[in-house]
């Protein structure tokens, strides 16, 4: 992890985490590290939901057509 980048405000990080224990900081880092994974999983869940909605709509249309016969 690069903590020397120009976009990192070390003073702001220190102020926001004042009073945190080492364990608190570790848990915070782990939680932040999971954000990209959650985004990927949420995107996949939405994609699958759309897929199943399309299938459900098709099945409903077929059932309605068959009931009209």
N, C-alpha and C. Protein backbone atom coordinates (compact mmCIF):
# COMPACT_ATOMS: atom_id res chain seq x y z
N UNK A 1 0.85 -1.17 0.00
CA UNK A 1 0.00 0.00 0.00
C UNK A 1 0.89 1.23 0.00
N UNK A 2 0.58 2.18 -0.86
CA UNK A 2 1.38 3.39 -0.97
C UNK A 2 0.79 4.50 -0.12
N UNK A 3 1.45 4.83 0.96
CA UNK A 3 0.99 5.89 1.85
C UNK A 3 1.71 7.20 1.59
N UNK A 4 2.46 7.26 0.49
CA UNK A 4 3.25 8.46 0.21
C UNK A 4 2.72 9.24 -0.98
N UNK A 5 1.57 8.86 -1.48
CA UNK A 5 1.02 9.54 -2.65
C UNK A 5 0.62 10.97 -2.34
N UNK A 6 0.65 11.83 -3.35
CA UNK A 6 0.31 13.24 -3.14
C UNK A 6 -1.16 13.46 -2.82
N UNK A 7 -2.00 12.48 -3.11
CA UNK A 7 -3.44 12.63 -2.89
C UNK A 7 -3.87 12.19 -1.49
N UNK A 8 -2.91 11.79 -0.65
CA UNK A 8 -3.23 11.35 0.71
C UNK A 8 -2.92 12.49 1.69
N UNK A 9 -3.93 12.92 2.41
CA UNK A 9 -3.75 13.96 3.41
C UNK A 9 -3.58 13.27 4.76
N UNK A 10 -2.32 13.07 5.14
CA UNK A 10 -2.03 12.31 6.37
C UNK A 10 -2.60 13.00 7.61
N UNK A 11 -2.60 14.30 7.63
CA UNK A 11 -3.14 15.01 8.78
C UNK A 11 -4.64 14.79 8.90
N UNK A 12 -5.34 14.80 7.76
CA UNK A 12 -6.79 14.56 7.78
C UNK A 12 -7.09 13.14 8.24
N UNK A 13 -6.31 12.19 7.76
CA UNK A 13 -6.50 10.79 8.19
C UNK A 13 -6.27 10.68 9.69
N UNK A 14 -5.22 11.32 10.19
CA UNK A 14 -4.92 11.28 11.62
C UNK A 14 -6.05 11.91 12.43
N UNK A 15 -6.59 13.03 11.95
CA UNK A 15 -7.68 13.69 12.66
C UNK A 15 -8.96 12.85 12.66
N UNK A 16 -9.26 12.21 11.54
CA UNK A 16 -10.48 11.42 11.43
C UNK A 16 -10.42 10.15 12.27
N UNK A 17 -9.21 9.68 12.54
CA UNK A 17 -9.08 8.42 13.28
C UNK A 17 -8.49 8.64 14.67
N UNK A 18 -8.56 9.86 15.16
CA UNK A 18 -8.03 10.16 16.50
C UNK A 18 -8.73 9.29 17.54
N UNK A 19 -7.96 8.66 18.37
CA UNK A 19 -8.51 7.80 19.42
C UNK A 19 -8.75 6.36 19.00
N UNK A 20 -8.55 6.06 17.72
CA UNK A 20 -8.72 4.69 17.27
C UNK A 20 -7.57 3.84 17.79
N UNK A 21 -7.86 2.61 18.14
CA UNK A 21 -6.80 1.67 18.54
C UNK A 21 -6.22 1.05 17.26
N UNK A 22 -5.13 0.34 17.44
CA UNK A 22 -4.55 -0.36 16.29
C UNK A 22 -5.55 -1.34 15.69
N UNK A 23 -6.31 -2.00 16.55
CA UNK A 23 -7.32 -2.94 16.09
C UNK A 23 -8.43 -2.22 15.32
N UNK A 24 -8.83 -1.05 15.80
CA UNK A 24 -9.85 -0.26 15.08
C UNK A 24 -9.37 0.10 13.68
N UNK A 25 -8.09 0.53 13.60
CA UNK A 25 -7.53 0.92 12.30
C UNK A 25 -7.46 -0.28 11.36
N UNK A 26 -7.08 -1.43 11.90
CA UNK A 26 -7.02 -2.64 11.07
C UNK A 26 -8.41 -2.99 10.54
N UNK A 27 -9.42 -2.95 11.42
CA UNK A 27 -10.79 -3.26 11.00
C UNK A 27 -11.30 -2.27 9.97
N UNK A 28 -10.93 -1.01 10.14
CA UNK A 28 -11.31 0.01 9.16
C UNK A 28 -10.69 -0.29 7.81
N UNK A 29 -9.41 -0.64 7.80
CA UNK A 29 -8.72 -0.96 6.54
C UNK A 29 -9.32 -2.19 5.86
N UNK A 30 -9.65 -3.19 6.65
CA UNK A 30 -10.27 -4.40 6.09
C UNK A 30 -11.63 -4.06 5.48
N UNK A 31 -12.42 -3.26 6.18
CA UNK A 31 -13.75 -2.88 5.67
C UNK A 31 -13.62 -2.10 4.37
N UNK A 32 -12.67 -1.18 4.31
CA UNK A 32 -12.47 -0.38 3.10
C UNK A 32 -11.98 -1.25 1.95
N UNK A 33 -11.14 -2.23 2.27
CA UNK A 33 -10.64 -3.13 1.23
C UNK A 33 -11.75 -3.97 0.62
N UNK A 34 -12.83 -4.20 1.37
CA UNK A 34 -13.94 -5.00 0.87
C UNK A 34 -14.89 -4.23 -0.05
N UNK A 35 -14.82 -2.90 -0.05
CA UNK A 35 -15.74 -2.11 -0.87
C UNK A 35 -15.71 -2.50 -2.35
N UNK A 36 -14.54 -2.61 -2.99
CA UNK A 36 -14.54 -3.00 -4.41
C UNK A 36 -15.15 -4.38 -4.64
N UNK A 37 -14.91 -5.29 -3.71
CA UNK A 37 -15.47 -6.64 -3.84
C UNK A 37 -16.99 -6.57 -3.75
N UNK A 38 -17.50 -5.80 -2.80
CA UNK A 38 -18.95 -5.65 -2.67
C UNK A 38 -19.56 -5.05 -3.93
N UNK A 39 -18.87 -4.07 -4.51
CA UNK A 39 -19.38 -3.45 -5.74
C UNK A 39 -19.48 -4.46 -6.87
N UNK A 40 -18.47 -5.30 -7.00
CA UNK A 40 -18.48 -6.34 -8.04
C UNK A 40 -19.62 -7.33 -7.79
N UNK A 41 -19.77 -7.77 -6.55
CA UNK A 41 -20.83 -8.72 -6.22
C UNK A 41 -22.22 -8.11 -6.43
N UNK A 42 -22.40 -6.85 -6.04
CA UNK A 42 -23.68 -6.18 -6.24
C UNK A 42 -24.01 -6.05 -7.72
N UNK A 43 -23.02 -5.73 -8.52
CA UNK A 43 -23.22 -5.61 -9.97
C UNK A 43 -23.65 -6.95 -10.56
N UNK A 44 -23.00 -8.03 -10.11
CA UNK A 44 -23.36 -9.37 -10.60
C UNK A 44 -24.77 -9.75 -10.14
N UNK A 45 -25.13 -9.42 -8.91
CA UNK A 45 -26.49 -9.71 -8.43
C UNK A 45 -27.53 -8.97 -9.25
N UNK A 46 -27.27 -7.71 -9.56
CA UNK A 46 -28.21 -6.94 -10.39
C UNK A 46 -28.34 -7.53 -11.78
N UNK A 47 -27.21 -7.98 -12.34
CA UNK A 47 -27.23 -8.58 -13.68
C UNK A 47 -28.06 -9.87 -13.66
N UNK A 48 -27.85 -10.69 -12.64
CA UNK A 48 -28.61 -11.94 -12.54
C UNK A 48 -30.10 -11.68 -12.31
N UNK A 49 -30.42 -10.69 -11.51
CA UNK A 49 -31.81 -10.34 -11.26
C UNK A 49 -32.49 -9.90 -12.55
N UNK A 50 -31.82 -9.09 -13.33
CA UNK A 50 -32.39 -8.67 -14.61
C UNK A 50 -32.63 -9.88 -15.51
N UNK A 51 -31.68 -10.81 -15.51
CA UNK A 51 -31.81 -12.02 -16.31
C UNK A 51 -33.05 -12.81 -15.90
N UNK A 52 -33.24 -13.00 -14.59
CA UNK A 52 -34.39 -13.77 -14.11
C UNK A 52 -35.70 -13.02 -14.33
N UNK A 53 -35.66 -11.70 -14.27
CA UNK A 53 -36.87 -10.93 -14.57
C UNK A 53 -37.29 -11.12 -16.02
N UNK A 54 -36.32 -11.15 -16.93
CA UNK A 54 -36.63 -11.36 -18.34
C UNK A 54 -37.23 -12.75 -18.55
N UNK A 55 -36.65 -13.76 -17.89
CA UNK A 55 -37.17 -15.12 -18.01
C UNK A 55 -38.60 -15.18 -17.43
N UNK A 56 -38.80 -14.55 -16.27
CA UNK A 56 -40.13 -14.54 -15.67
C UNK A 56 -41.14 -13.86 -16.56
N UNK A 57 -40.75 -12.76 -17.20
CA UNK A 57 -41.66 -12.06 -18.11
C UNK A 57 -42.01 -12.94 -19.30
N UNK A 58 -41.02 -13.63 -19.84
CA UNK A 58 -41.27 -14.53 -20.97
C UNK A 58 -42.22 -15.66 -20.57
N UNK A 59 -41.99 -16.23 -19.40
CA UNK A 59 -42.86 -17.31 -18.94
C UNK A 59 -44.28 -16.83 -18.71
N UNK A 60 -44.43 -15.62 -18.19
CA UNK A 60 -45.75 -15.04 -17.98
C UNK A 60 -46.46 -14.84 -19.32
N UNK A 61 -45.73 -14.32 -20.31
CA UNK A 61 -46.32 -14.12 -21.64
C UNK A 61 -46.78 -15.44 -22.24
N UNK A 62 -45.97 -16.47 -22.11
CA UNK A 62 -46.32 -17.79 -22.63
C UNK A 62 -47.57 -18.31 -21.92
N UNK A 63 -47.61 -18.18 -20.61
CA UNK A 63 -48.77 -18.66 -19.84
C UNK A 63 -50.02 -17.91 -20.25
N UNK A 64 -49.93 -16.61 -20.46
CA UNK A 64 -51.09 -15.84 -20.88
C UNK A 64 -51.56 -16.25 -22.28
N UNK A 65 -50.60 -16.49 -23.17
CA UNK A 65 -50.97 -16.92 -24.52
C UNK A 65 -51.64 -18.29 -24.49
N UNK A 66 -51.15 -19.19 -23.65
CA UNK A 66 -51.72 -20.52 -23.58
C UNK A 66 -53.12 -20.48 -22.95
N UNK A 67 -53.32 -19.58 -22.01
CA UNK A 67 -54.64 -19.49 -21.37
C UNK A 67 -55.67 -18.88 -22.31
N UNK A 68 -55.22 -18.14 -23.30
CA UNK A 68 -56.14 -17.52 -24.26
C UNK A 68 -56.59 -18.54 -25.32
N UNK A 69 -55.91 -19.67 -25.42
CA UNK A 69 -56.28 -20.66 -26.43
C UNK A 69 -57.52 -21.40 -26.07
